[in-house]
Amino acid sequence: MAVKPVYKVIFLNQGQVYEIFACAIYQSEMYGFIEIEEFVFGERSQVVVDPSEEKLKNEFAGVKRSYIPMHSIVRIDEVEKEGTGKISEFKGDKVAQFPHGNFMPRPGSDS
């Protein structure tokens, strides 16, 4: 039986960097979005709980599918096994978010 691939997805959301693991990722039919399904969270039997992973797990509890804007995606890696998902503060000097706004020049404008 073939092993399902696991993907690590890093994206920006409201000033924070999210690192999540999922088994299904593909381009959405909604233009400009990536669909993420089958989230993978570490099943820990230890007493020590990572608060960042718990926050992430609670945020995605009950979510069947998530649509992430392509311009928020930092990186997608196929990994051998899942790691610990986390949410960390965005440090603007290392990762630049794609600029928002009107990118297409208007007809008749010089820009």
PDB file of N, CA and C in Angstrom:
ATOM      1  N   MET A   1       0.846  -1.176   0.000  1.00  0.00           N
ATOM      2  CA  MET A   1       0.000   0.000   0.000  1.00  0.00           C
ATOM      3  C   MET A   1       0.889   1.236   0.000  1.00  0.00           C
ATOM      4  N   ALA A   2       0.603   2.168  -0.877  1.00  0.00           N
ATOM      5  CA  ALA A   2       1.411   3.375  -1.005  1.00  0.00           C
ATOM      6  C   ALA A   2       1.190   4.297   0.196  1.00  0.00           C
ATOM      7  N   VAL A   3       2.260   4.918   0.634  1.00  0.00           N
ATOM      8  CA  VAL A   3       2.200   5.851   1.754  1.00  0.00           C
ATOM      9  C   VAL A   3       1.759   7.211   1.226  1.00  0.00           C
ATOM     10  N   LYS A   4       0.803   7.855   1.917  1.00  0.00           N
ATOM     11  CA  LYS A   4       0.344   9.185   1.520  1.00  0.00           C
ATOM     12  C   LYS A   4       1.459  10.194   1.731  1.00  0.00           C
ATOM     13  N   PRO A   5       1.666  11.097   0.779  1.00  0.00           N
ATOM     14  CA  PRO A   5       2.671  12.136   0.996  1.00  0.00           C
ATOM     15  C   PRO A   5       2.194  13.125   2.064  1.00  0.00           C
ATOM     16  N   VAL A   6       3.146  13.712   2.764  1.00  0.00           N
ATOM     17  CA  VAL A   6       2.859  14.735   3.768  1.00  0.00           C
ATOM     18  C   VAL A   6       3.555  16.007   3.319  1.00  0.00           C
ATOM     19  N   TYR A   7       2.835  17.118   3.391  1.00  0.00           N
ATOM     20  CA  TYR A   7       3.366  18.406   2.968  1.00  0.00           C
ATOM     21  C   TYR A   7       3.447  19.362   4.148  1.00  0.00           C
ATOM     22  N   LYS A   8       4.536  20.107   4.199  1.00  0.00           N
ATOM     23  CA  LYS A   8       4.678  21.187   5.177  1.00  0.00           C
ATOM     24  C   LYS A   8       4.384  22.477   4.429  1.00  0.00           C
ATOM     25  N   VAL A   9       3.412  23.236   4.916  1.00  0.00           N
ATOM     26  CA  VAL A   9       3.004  24.482   4.278  1.00  0.00           C
ATOM     27  C   VAL A   9       3.300  25.628   5.234  1.00  0.00           C
ATOM     28  N   ILE A  10       4.031  26.608   4.752  1.00  0.00           N
ATOM     29  CA  ILE A  10       4.336  27.801   5.541  1.00  0.00           C
ATOM     30  C   ILE A  10       3.653  28.967   4.847  1.00  0.00           C
ATOM     31  N   PHE A  11       2.826  29.705   5.604  1.00  0.00           N
ATOM     32  CA  PHE A  11       2.132  30.853   5.025  1.00  0.00           C
ATOM     33  C   PHE A  11       1.956  31.949   6.063  1.00  0.00           C
ATOM     34  N   LEU A  12       1.694  33.154   5.567  1.00  0.00           N
ATOM     35  CA  LEU A  12       1.501  34.316   6.432  1.00  0.00           C
ATOM     36  C   LEU A  12       0.014  34.543   6.646  1.00  0.00           C
ATOM     37  N   ASN A  13      -0.353  34.863   7.893  1.00  0.00           N
ATOM     38  CA  ASN A  13      -1.743  35.136   8.226  1.00  0.00           C
ATOM     39  C   ASN A  13      -1.798  36.137   9.365  1.00  0.00           C
ATOM     40  N   GLN A  14      -2.298  37.331   9.094  1.00  0.00           N
ATOM     41  CA  GLN A  14      -2.508  38.372  10.096  1.00  0.00           C
ATOM     42  C   GLN A  14      -1.267  38.620  10.945  1.00  0.00           C
ATOM     43  N   GLY A  15      -0.133  38.829  10.282  1.00  0.00           N
ATOM     44  CA  GLY A  15       1.096  39.169  10.981  1.00  0.00           C
ATOM     45  C   GLY A  15       1.799  38.008  11.660  1.00  0.00           C
ATOM     46  N   GLN A  16       1.360  36.793  11.375  1.00  0.00           N
ATOM     47  CA  GLN A  16       1.985  35.624  11.970  1.00  0.00           C
ATOM     48  C   GLN A  16       2.354  34.625  10.874  1.00  0.00           C
ATOM     49  N   VAL A  17       3.355  33.799  11.171  1.00  0.00           N
ATOM     50  CA  VAL A  17       3.793  32.760  10.249  1.00  0.00           C
ATOM     51  C   VAL A  17       3.219  31.431  10.741  1.00  0.00           C
ATOM     52  N   TYR A  18       2.431  30.789   9.889  1.00  0.00           N
ATOM     53  CA  TYR A  18       1.833  29.494  10.210  1.00  0.00           C
ATOM     54  C   TYR A  18       2.629  28.401   9.512  1.00  0.00           C
ATOM     55  N   GLU A  19       2.921  27.350  10.244  1.00  0.00           N
ATOM     56  CA  GLU A  19       3.579  26.167   9.680  1.00  0.00           C
ATOM     57  C   GLU A  19       2.684  24.984   9.998  1.00  0.00           C
ATOM     58  N   ILE A  20       2.054  24.426   8.947  1.00  0.00           N
ATOM     59  CA  ILE A  20       1.123  23.325   9.154  1.00  0.00           C
ATOM     60  C   ILE A  20       1.517  22.138   8.278  1.00  0.00           C
ATOM     61  N   PHE A  21       0.973  20.982   8.615  1.00  0.00           N
ATOM     62  CA  PHE A  21       1.224  19.754   7.858  1.00  0.00           C
ATOM     63  C   PHE A  21      -0.112  19.218   7.361  1.00  0.00           C
ATOM     64  N   ALA A  22      -0.112  18.758   6.100  1.00  0.00           N
ATOM     65  CA  ALA A  22      -1.335  18.231   5.498  1.00  0.00           C
ATOM     66  C   ALA A  22      -0.985  17.171   4.468  1.00  0.00           C
ATOM     67  N   CYS A  23      -1.968  16.329   4.154  1.00  0.00           N
ATOM     68  CA  CYS A  23      -1.753  15.263   3.168  1.00  0.00           C
ATOM     69  C   CYS A  23      -2.297  15.609   1.791  1.00  0.00           C
ATOM     70  N   ALA A  24      -3.131  16.625   1.676  1.00  0.00           N
ATOM     71  CA  ALA A  24      -3.713  16.983   0.386  1.00  0.00           C
ATOM     72  C   ALA A  24      -3.626  18.479   0.159  1.00  0.00           C
ATOM     73  N   ILE A  25      -2.916  18.862  -0.902  1.00  0.00           N
ATOM     74  CA  ILE A  25      -2.763  20.269  -1.267  1.00  0.00           C
ATOM     75  C   ILE A  25      -2.902  20.374  -2.774  1.00  0.00           C
ATOM     76  N   TYR A  26      -3.706  21.310  -3.224  1.00  0.00           N
ATOM     77  CA  TYR A  26      -3.843  21.507  -4.657  1.00  0.00           C
ATOM     78  C   TYR A  26      -4.375  22.889  -4.955  1.00  0.00           C
ATOM     79  N   GLN A  27      -4.243  23.291  -6.223  1.00  0.00           N
ATOM     80  CA  GLN A  27      -4.724  24.588  -6.657  1.00  0.00           C
ATOM     81  C   GLN A  27      -6.240  24.574  -6.649  1.00  0.00           C
ATOM     82  N   SER A  28      -6.816  25.602  -6.097  1.00  0.00           N
ATOM     83  CA  SER A  28      -8.266  25.678  -5.969  1.00  0.00           C
ATOM     84  C   SER A  28      -8.919  26.102  -7.273  1.00  0.00           C
ATOM     85  N   GLU A  29     -10.191  25.777  -7.402  1.00  0.00           N
ATOM     86  CA  GLU A  29     -10.968  26.295  -8.511  1.00  0.00           C
ATOM     87  C   GLU A  29     -11.246  27.782  -8.314  1.00  0.00           C
ATOM     88  N   MET A  30     -11.147  28.252  -7.065  1.00  0.00           N
ATOM     89  CA  MET A  30     -11.240  29.692  -6.805  1.00  0.00           C
ATOM     90  C   MET A  30      -9.896  30.296  -7.184  1.00  0.00           C
ATOM     91  N   TYR A  31      -9.893  31.148  -8.158  1.00  0.00           N
ATOM     92  CA  TYR A  31      -8.660  31.707  -8.697  1.00  0.00           C
ATOM     93  C   TYR A  31      -7.828  32.382  -7.596  1.00  0.00           C
ATOM     94  N   GLY A  32      -6.543  32.033  -7.539  1.00  0.00           N
ATOM     95  CA  GLY A  32      -5.620  32.665  -6.607  1.00  0.00           C
ATOM     96  C   GLY A  32      -5.528  32.013  -5.240  1.00  0.00           C
ATOM     97  N   PHE A  33      -6.107  30.833  -5.081  1.00  0.00           N
ATOM     98  CA  PHE A  33      -6.092  30.163  -3.787  1.00  0.00           C
ATOM     99  C   PHE A  33      -5.518  28.751  -3.908  1.00  0.00           C
ATOM    100  N   ILE A  34      -4.925  28.294  -2.815  1.00  0.00           N
ATOM    101  CA  ILE A  34      -4.466  26.924  -2.668  1.00  0.00           C
ATOM    102  C   ILE A  34      -5.398  26.256  -1.656  1.00  0.00           C
ATOM    103  N   GLU A  35      -5.859  25.046  -1.959  1.00  0.00           N
ATOM    104  CA  GLU A  35      -6.716  24.300  -1.033  1.00  0.00           C
ATOM    105  C   GLU A  35      -5.855  23.339  -0.226  1.00  0.00           C
ATOM    106  N   ILE A  36      -6.103  23.308   1.063  1.00  0.00           N
ATOM    107  CA  ILE A  36      -5.382  22.404   1.954  1.00  0.00           C
ATOM    108  C   ILE A  36      -6.414  21.552   2.683  1.00  0.00           C
ATOM    109  N   GLU A  37      -6.227  20.234   2.609  1.00  0.00           N
ATOM    110  CA  GLU A  37      -7.128  19.285   3.271  1.00  0.00           C
ATOM    111  C   GLU A  37      -6.315  18.256   4.038  1.00  0.00           C
ATOM    112  N   GLU A  38      -6.997  17.490   4.844  1.00  0.00           N
ATOM    113  CA  GLU A  38      -6.394  16.391   5.609  1.00  0.00           C
ATOM    114  C   GLU A  38      -5.221  16.875   6.462  1.00  0.00           C
ATOM    115  N   PHE A  39      -5.523  17.809   7.344  1.00  0.00           N
ATOM    116  CA  PHE A  39      -4.509  18.355   8.248  1.00  0.00           C
ATOM    117  C   PHE A  39      -3.942  17.251   9.122  1.00  0.00           C
ATOM    118  N   VAL A  40      -2.651  17.350   9.405  1.00  0.00           N
ATOM    119  CA  VAL A  40      -1.971  16.364  10.235  1.00  0.00           C
ATOM    120  C   VAL A  40      -1.413  17.089  11.454  1.00  0.00           C
ATOM    121  N   PHE A  41      -1.834  16.646  12.622  1.00  0.00           N
ATOM    122  CA  PHE A  41      -1.308  17.188  13.870  1.00  0.00           C
ATOM    123  C   PHE A  41      -0.662  16.050  14.625  1.00  0.00           C
ATOM    124  N   GLY A  42       0.458  16.343  15.268  1.00  0.00           N
ATOM    125  CA  GLY A  42       1.160  15.319  16.030  1.00  0.00           C
ATOM    126  C   GLY A  42       0.303  14.814  17.162  1.00  0.00           C
ATOM    127  N   GLU A  43       0.106  13.530  17.209  1.00  0.00           N
ATOM    128  CA  GLU A  43      -0.637  12.919  18.314  1.00  0.00           C
ATOM    129  C   GLU A  43       0.368  12.608  19.414  1.00  0.00           C
ATOM    130  N   ARG A  44       0.389  13.423  20.382  1.00  0.00           N
ATOM    131  CA  ARG A  44       1.366  13.306  21.459  1.00  0.00           C
ATOM    132  C   ARG A  44       0.747  12.577  22.649  1.00  0.00           C
ATOM    133  N   SER A  45       1.475  11.620  23.184  1.00  0.00           N
ATOM    134  CA  SER A  45       1.011  10.948  24.390  1.00  0.00           C
ATOM    135  C   SER A  45       1.767  11.470  25.612  1.00  0.00           C
ATOM    136  N   GLN A  46       2.637  12.458  25.366  1.00  0.00           N
ATOM    137  CA  GLN A  46       3.429  13.016  26.458  1.00  0.00           C
ATOM    138  C   GLN A  46       2.598  14.022  27.244  1.00  0.00           C
ATOM    139  N   VAL A  47       3.038  14.316  28.440  1.00  0.00           N
ATOM    140  CA  VAL A  47       2.368  15.299  29.283  1.00  0.00           C
ATOM    141  C   VAL A  47       2.697  16.710  28.801  1.00  0.00           C
ATOM    142  N   VAL A  48       3.900  16.927  28.285  1.00  0.00           N
ATOM    143  CA  VAL A  48       4.324  18.246  27.826  1.00  0.00           C
ATOM    144  C   VAL A  48       3.574  18.584  26.542  1.00  0.00           C
ATOM    145  N   VAL A  49       2.924  19.749  26.536  1.00  0.00           N
ATOM    146  CA  VAL A  49       2.142  20.179  25.388  1.00  0.00           C
ATOM    147  C   VAL A  49       2.716  21.491  24.877  1.00  0.00           C
ATOM    148  N   ASP A  50       2.957  21.562  23.573  1.00  0.00           N
ATOM    149  CA  ASP A  50       3.449  22.787  22.947  1.00  0.00           C
ATOM    150  C   ASP A  50       2.265  23.736  22.777  1.00  0.00           C
ATOM    151  N   PRO A  51       2.268  24.909  23.446  1.00  0.00           N
ATOM    152  CA  PRO A  51       1.125  25.821  23.352  1.00  0.00           C
ATOM    153  C   PRO A  51       0.887  26.327  21.932  1.00  0.00           C
ATOM    154  N   SER A  52       1.949  26.491  21.149  1.00  0.00           N
ATOM    155  CA  SER A  52       1.807  26.963  19.776  1.00  0.00           C
ATOM    156  C   SER A  52       1.076  25.927  18.919  1.00  0.00           C
ATOM    157  N   GLU A  53       1.434  24.650  19.085  1.00  0.00           N
ATOM    158  CA  GLU A  53       0.767  23.589  18.326  1.00  0.00           C
ATOM    159  C   GLU A  53      -0.687  23.438  18.788  1.00  0.00           C
ATOM    160  N   GLU A  54      -0.940  23.578  20.080  1.00  0.00           N
ATOM    161  CA  GLU A  54      -2.305  23.482  20.591  1.00  0.00           C
ATOM    162  C   GLU A  54      -3.171  24.607  20.041  1.00  0.00           C
ATOM    163  N   LYS A  55      -2.624  25.816  19.951  1.00  0.00           N
ATOM    164  CA  LYS A  55      -3.350  26.954  19.393  1.00  0.00           C
ATOM    165  C   LYS A  55      -3.699  26.679  17.932  1.00  0.00           C
ATOM    166  N   LEU A  56      -2.742  26.134  17.199  1.00  0.00           N
ATOM    167  CA  LEU A  56      -2.941  25.795  15.793  1.00  0.00           C
ATOM    168  C   LEU A  56      -4.003  24.699  15.652  1.00  0.00           C
ATOM    169  N   LYS A  57      -3.907  23.695  16.483  1.00  0.00           N
ATOM    170  CA  LYS A  57      -4.859  22.577  16.456  1.00  0.00           C
ATOM    171  C   LYS A  57      -6.270  23.072  16.756  1.00  0.00           C
ATOM    172  N   ASN A  58      -6.405  23.964  17.742  1.00  0.00           N
ATOM    173  CA  ASN A  58      -7.718  24.512  18.084  1.00  0.00           C
ATOM    174  C   ASN A  58      -8.272  25.390  16.964  1.00  0.00           C
ATOM    175  N   GLU A  59      -7.391  26.162  16.310  1.00  0.00           N
ATOM    176  CA  GLU A  59      -7.839  27.040  15.232  1.00  0.00           C
ATOM    177  C   GLU A  59      -8.377  26.252  14.045  1.00  0.00           C
ATOM    178  N   PHE A  60      -7.781  25.098  13.753  1.00  0.00           N
ATOM    179  CA  PHE A  60      -8.203  24.287  12.623  1.00  0.00           C
ATOM    180  C   PHE A  60      -9.115  23.127  13.018  1.00  0.00           C
ATOM    181  N   ALA A  61      -9.551  23.083  14.271  1.00  0.00           N
ATOM    182  CA  ALA A  61     -10.472  22.032  14.716  1.00  0.00           C
ATOM    183  C   ALA A  61     -11.783  22.169  13.952  1.00  0.00           C
ATOM    184  N   GLY A  62     -12.237  21.088  13.375  1.00  0.00           N
ATOM    185  CA  GLY A  62     -13.491  21.103  12.638  1.00  0.00           C
ATOM    186  C   GLY A  62     -13.384  21.652  11.221  1.00  0.00           C
ATOM    187  N   VAL A  63     -12.186  22.043  10.793  1.00  0.00           N
ATOM    188  CA  VAL A  63     -11.999  22.568   9.437  1.00  0.00           C
ATOM    189  C   VAL A  63     -11.740  21.399   8.497  1.00  0.00           C
ATOM    190  N   LYS A  64     -12.585  21.254   7.509  1.00  0.00           N
ATOM    191  CA  LYS A  64     -12.422  20.186   6.527  1.00  0.00           C
ATOM    192  C   LYS A  64     -11.431  20.595   5.446  1.00  0.00           C
ATOM    193  N   ARG A  65     -11.524  21.851   5.003  1.00  0.00           N
ATOM    194  CA  ARG A  65     -10.689  22.351   3.913  1.00  0.00           C
ATOM    195  C   ARG A  65     -10.413  23.827   4.177  1.00  0.00           C
ATOM    196  N   SER A  66      -9.200  24.253   3.900  1.00  0.00           N
ATOM    197  CA  SER A  66      -8.840  25.657   4.079  1.00  0.00           C
ATOM    198  C   SER A  66      -8.341  26.212   2.752  1.00  0.00           C
ATOM    199  N   TYR A  67      -8.757  27.424   2.433  1.00  0.00           N
ATOM    200  CA  TYR A  67      -8.335  28.101   1.211  1.00  0.00           C
ATOM    201  C   TYR A  67      -7.350  29.199   1.604  1.00  0.00           C
ATOM    202  N   ILE A  68      -6.115  29.065   1.153  1.00  0.00           N
ATOM    203  CA  ILE A  68      -5.059  30.024   1.487  1.00  0.00           C
ATOM    204  C   ILE A  68      -4.719  30.816   0.230  1.00  0.00           C
ATOM    205  N   PRO A  69      -4.722  32.156   0.311  1.00  0.00           N
ATOM    206  CA  PRO A  69      -4.357  32.950  -0.866  1.00  0.00           C
ATOM    207  C   PRO A  69      -2.920  32.637  -1.301  1.00  0.00           C
ATOM    208  N   MET A  70      -2.711  32.507  -2.604  1.00  0.00           N
ATOM    209  CA  MET A  70      -1.380  32.168  -3.117  1.00  0.00           C
ATOM    210  C   MET A  70      -0.314  33.170  -2.679  1.00  0.00           C
ATOM    211  N   HIS A  71      -0.685  34.446  -2.599  1.00  0.00           N
ATOM    212  CA  HIS A  71       0.315  35.450  -2.233  1.00  0.00           C
ATOM    213  C   HIS A  71       0.718  35.372  -0.764  1.00  0.00           C
ATOM    214  N   SER A  72      -0.005  34.575   0.033  1.00  0.00           N
ATOM    215  CA  SER A  72       0.364  34.391   1.438  1.00  0.00           C
ATOM    216  C   SER A  72       1.290  33.195   1.644  1.00  0.00           C
ATOM    217  N   ILE A  73       1.372  32.323   0.644  1.00  0.00           N
ATOM    218  CA  ILE A  73       2.205  31.121   0.751  1.00  0.00           C
ATOM    219  C   ILE A  73       3.674  31.516   0.686  1.00  0.00           C
ATOM    220  N   VAL A  74       4.443  31.053   1.658  1.00  0.00           N
ATOM    221  CA  VAL A  74       5.885  31.270   1.665  1.00  0.00           C
ATOM    222  C   VAL A  74       6.582  30.076   1.033  1.00  0.00           C
ATOM    223  N   ARG A  75       6.123  28.866   1.412  1.00  0.00           N
ATOM    224  CA  ARG A  75       6.817  27.667   0.944  1.00  0.00           C
ATOM    225  C   ARG A  75       5.945  26.435   1.164  1.00  0.00           C
ATOM    226  N   ILE A  76       6.072  25.458   0.248  1.00  0.00           N
ATOM    227  CA  ILE A  76       5.420  24.160   0.398  1.00  0.00           C
ATOM    228  C   ILE A  76       6.480  23.100   0.153  1.00  0.00           C
ATOM    229  N   ASP A  77       6.671  22.210   1.117  1.00  0.00           N
ATOM    230  CA  ASP A  77       7.645  21.126   1.000  1.00  0.00           C
ATOM    231  C   ASP A  77       6.949  19.788   1.184  1.00  0.00           C
ATOM    232  N   GLU A  78       7.344  18.794   0.392  1.00  0.00           N
ATOM    233  CA  GLU A  78       6.909  17.429   0.652  1.00  0.00           C
ATOM    234  C   GLU A  78       7.932  16.836   1.606  1.00  0.00           C
ATOM    235  N   VAL A  79       7.483  16.341   2.750  1.00  0.00           N
ATOM    236  CA  VAL A  79       8.389  15.841   3.785  1.00  0.00           C
ATOM    237  C   VAL A  79       8.154  14.358   4.010  1.00  0.00           C
ATOM    238  N   GLU A  80       9.119  13.704   4.629  1.00  0.00           N
ATOM    239  CA  GLU A  80       9.000  12.265   4.886  1.00  0.00           C
ATOM    240  C   GLU A  80       7.976  11.950   5.964  1.00  0.00           C
ATOM    241  N   LYS A  81       7.905  12.787   6.983  1.00  0.00           N
ATOM    242  CA  LYS A  81       6.906  12.595   8.035  1.00  0.00           C
ATOM    243  C   LYS A  81       6.561  13.953   8.626  1.00  0.00           C
ATOM    244  N   GLU A  82       5.405  13.992   9.277  1.00  0.00           N
ATOM    245  CA  GLU A  82       4.960  15.267   9.830  1.00  0.00           C
ATOM    246  C   GLU A  82       5.835  15.696  10.995  1.00  0.00           C
ATOM    247  N   GLY A  83       5.886  16.986  11.197  1.00  0.00           N
ATOM    248  CA  GLY A  83       6.607  17.558  12.325  1.00  0.00           C
ATOM    249  C   GLY A  83       5.605  18.249  13.229  1.00  0.00           C
ATOM    250  N   THR A  84       6.092  19.187  13.984  1.00  0.00           N
ATOM    251  CA  THR A  84       5.241  19.939  14.892  1.00  0.00           C
ATOM    252  C   THR A  84       4.803  21.224  14.218  1.00  0.00           C
ATOM    253  N   GLY A  85       3.505  21.382  14.057  1.00  0.00           N
ATOM    254  CA  GLY A  85       2.978  22.624  13.508  1.00  0.00           C
ATOM    255  C   GLY A  85       3.148  23.739  14.514  1.00  0.00           C
ATOM    256  N   LYS A  86       3.243  24.960  14.015  1.00  0.00           N
ATOM    257  CA  LYS A  86       3.433  26.078  14.945  1.00  0.00           C
ATOM    258  C   LYS A  86       2.977  27.381  14.330  1.00  0.00           C
ATOM    259  N   ILE A  87       2.759  28.348  15.188  1.00  0.00           N
ATOM    260  CA  ILE A  87       2.466  29.715  14.801  1.00  0.00           C
ATOM    261  C   ILE A  87       3.547  30.568  15.458  1.00  0.00           C
ATOM    262  N   SER A  88       4.206  31.390  14.657  1.00  0.00           N
ATOM    263  CA  SER A  88       5.234  32.274  15.217  1.00  0.00           C
ATOM    264  C   SER A  88       5.027  33.683  14.687  1.00  0.00           C
ATOM    265  N   GLU A  89       5.623  34.640  15.370  1.00  0.00           N
ATOM    266  CA  GLU A  89       5.494  36.029  14.963  1.00  0.00           C
ATOM    267  C   GLU A  89       6.257  36.272  13.676  1.00  0.00           C
ATOM    268  N   PHE A  90       5.707  37.106  12.819  1.00  0.00           N
ATOM    269  CA  PHE A  90       6.320  37.453  11.543  1.00  0.00           C
ATOM    270  C   PHE A  90       7.461  38.431  11.781  1.00  0.00           C
ATOM    271  N   LYS A  91       8.630  38.078  11.284  1.00  0.00           N
ATOM    272  CA  LYS A  91       9.789  38.967  11.358  1.00  0.00           C
ATOM    273  C   LYS A  91      10.017  39.481   9.944  1.00  0.00           C
ATOM    274  N   GLY A  92       9.581  40.702   9.684  1.00  0.00           N
ATOM    275  CA  GLY A  92       9.532  41.269   8.344  1.00  0.00           C
ATOM    276  C   GLY A  92      10.853  41.352   7.611  1.00  0.00           C
ATOM    277  N   ASP A  93      11.984  41.243   8.305  1.00  0.00           N
ATOM    278  CA  ASP A  93      13.266  41.370   7.627  1.00  0.00           C
ATOM    279  C   ASP A  93      13.678  40.093   6.895  1.00  0.00           C
ATOM    280  N   LYS A  94      12.991  38.964   7.142  1.00  0.00           N
ATOM    281  CA  LYS A  94      13.395  37.701   6.520  1.00  0.00           C
ATOM    282  C   LYS A  94      12.454  37.241   5.411  1.00  0.00           C
ATOM    283  N   VAL A  95      11.184  37.580   5.510  1.00  0.00           N
ATOM    284  CA  VAL A  95      10.202  37.149   4.525  1.00  0.00           C
ATOM    285  C   VAL A  95       9.381  38.361   4.124  1.00  0.00           C
ATOM    286  N   ALA A  96       9.276  38.601   2.832  1.00  0.00           N
ATOM    287  CA  ALA A  96       8.482  39.724   2.350  1.00  0.00           C
ATOM    288  C   ALA A  96       7.190  39.197   1.751  1.00  0.00           C
ATOM    289  N   GLN A  97       6.082  39.767   2.192  1.00  0.00           N
ATOM    290  CA  GLN A  97       4.797  39.365   1.659  1.00  0.00           C
ATOM    291  C   GLN A  97       4.585  40.067   0.323  1.00  0.00           C
ATOM    292  N   PHE A  98       3.936  39.376  -0.600  1.00  0.00           N
ATOM    293  CA  PHE A  98       3.649  39.944  -1.907  1.00  0.00           C
ATOM    294  C   PHE A  98       2.826  41.208  -1.709  1.00  0.00           C
ATOM    295  N   PRO A  99       3.186  42.301  -2.381  1.00  0.00           N
ATOM    296  CA  PRO A  99       2.466  43.564  -2.153  1.00  0.00           C
ATOM    297  C   PRO A  99       1.003  43.485  -2.582  1.00  0.00           C
ATOM    298  N   HIS A 100       0.164  44.157  -1.819  1.00  0.00           N
ATOM    299  CA  HIS A 100      -1.264  44.207  -2.130  1.00  0.00           C
ATOM    300  C   HIS A 100      -1.538  45.464  -2.946  1.00  0.00           C
ATOM    301  N   GLY A 101      -2.614  45.471  -3.651  1.00  0.00           N
ATOM    302  CA  GLY A 101      -3.008  46.673  -4.383  1.00  0.00           C
ATOM    303  C   GLY A 101      -3.284  46.372  -5.837  1.00  0.00           C
ATOM    304  N   ASN A 102      -3.465  47.426  -6.591  1.00  0.00           N
ATOM    305  CA  ASN A 102      -3.769  47.303  -8.007  1.00  0.00           C
ATOM    306  C   ASN A 102      -2.466  47.183  -8.786  1.00  0.00           C
ATOM    307  N   PHE A 103      -2.235  46.033  -9.417  1.00  0.00           N
ATOM    308  CA  PHE A 103      -0.981  45.784 -10.114  1.00  0.00           C
ATOM    309  C   PHE A 103      -1.062  46.076 -11.605  1.00  0.00           C
ATOM    310  N   MET A 104      -2.250  46.096 -12.132  1.00  0.00           N
ATOM    311  CA  MET A 104      -2.422  46.298 -13.559  1.00  0.00           C
ATOM    312  C   MET A 104      -2.552  47.786 -13.860  1.00  0.00           C
ATOM    313  N   PRO A 105      -1.731  48.316 -14.786  1.00  0.00           N
ATOM    314  CA  PRO A 105      -1.892  49.730 -15.138  1.00  0.00           C
ATOM    315  C   PRO A 105      -3.214  49.935 -15.866  1.00  0.00           C
ATOM    316  N   ARG A 106      -3.810  51.056 -15.608  1.00  0.00           N
ATOM    317  CA  ARG A 106      -5.073  51.376 -16.258  1.00  0.00           C
ATOM    318  C   ARG A 106      -4.803  51.835 -17.679  1.00  0.00           C
ATOM    319  N   PRO A 107      -5.698  51.509 -18.595  1.00  0.00           N
ATOM    320  CA  PRO A 107      -5.532  51.966 -19.968  1.00  0.00           C
ATOM    321  C   PRO A 107      -5.438  53.482 -20.016  1.00  0.00           C
ATOM    322  N   GLY A 108      -4.447  53.974 -20.744  1.00  0.00           N
ATOM    323  CA  GLY A 108      -4.263  55.420 -20.885  1.00  0.00           C
ATOM    324  C   GLY A 108      -3.389  56.045 -19.810  1.00  0.00           C
ATOM    325  N   SER A 109      -2.958  55.243 -18.805  1.00  0.00           N
ATOM    326  CA  SER A 109      -2.067  55.798 -17.783  1.00  0.00           C
ATOM    327  C   SER A 109      -0.628  55.560 -18.187  1.00  0.00           C
ATOM    328  N   ASP A 110       0.270  56.368 -17.674  1.00  0.00           N
ATOM    329  CA  ASP A 110       1.689  56.278 -18.029  1.00  0.00           C
ATOM    330  C   ASP A 110       2.426  55.256 -17.185  1.00  0.00           C
ATOM    331  N   SER A 111       1.838  54.739 -16.120  1.00  0.00           N
ATOM    332  CA  SER A 111       2.554  53.799 -15.256  1.00  0.00           C
ATOM    333  C   SER A 111       2.376  52.391 -15.636  1.00  0.00           C
TER     334      SER A 111
END
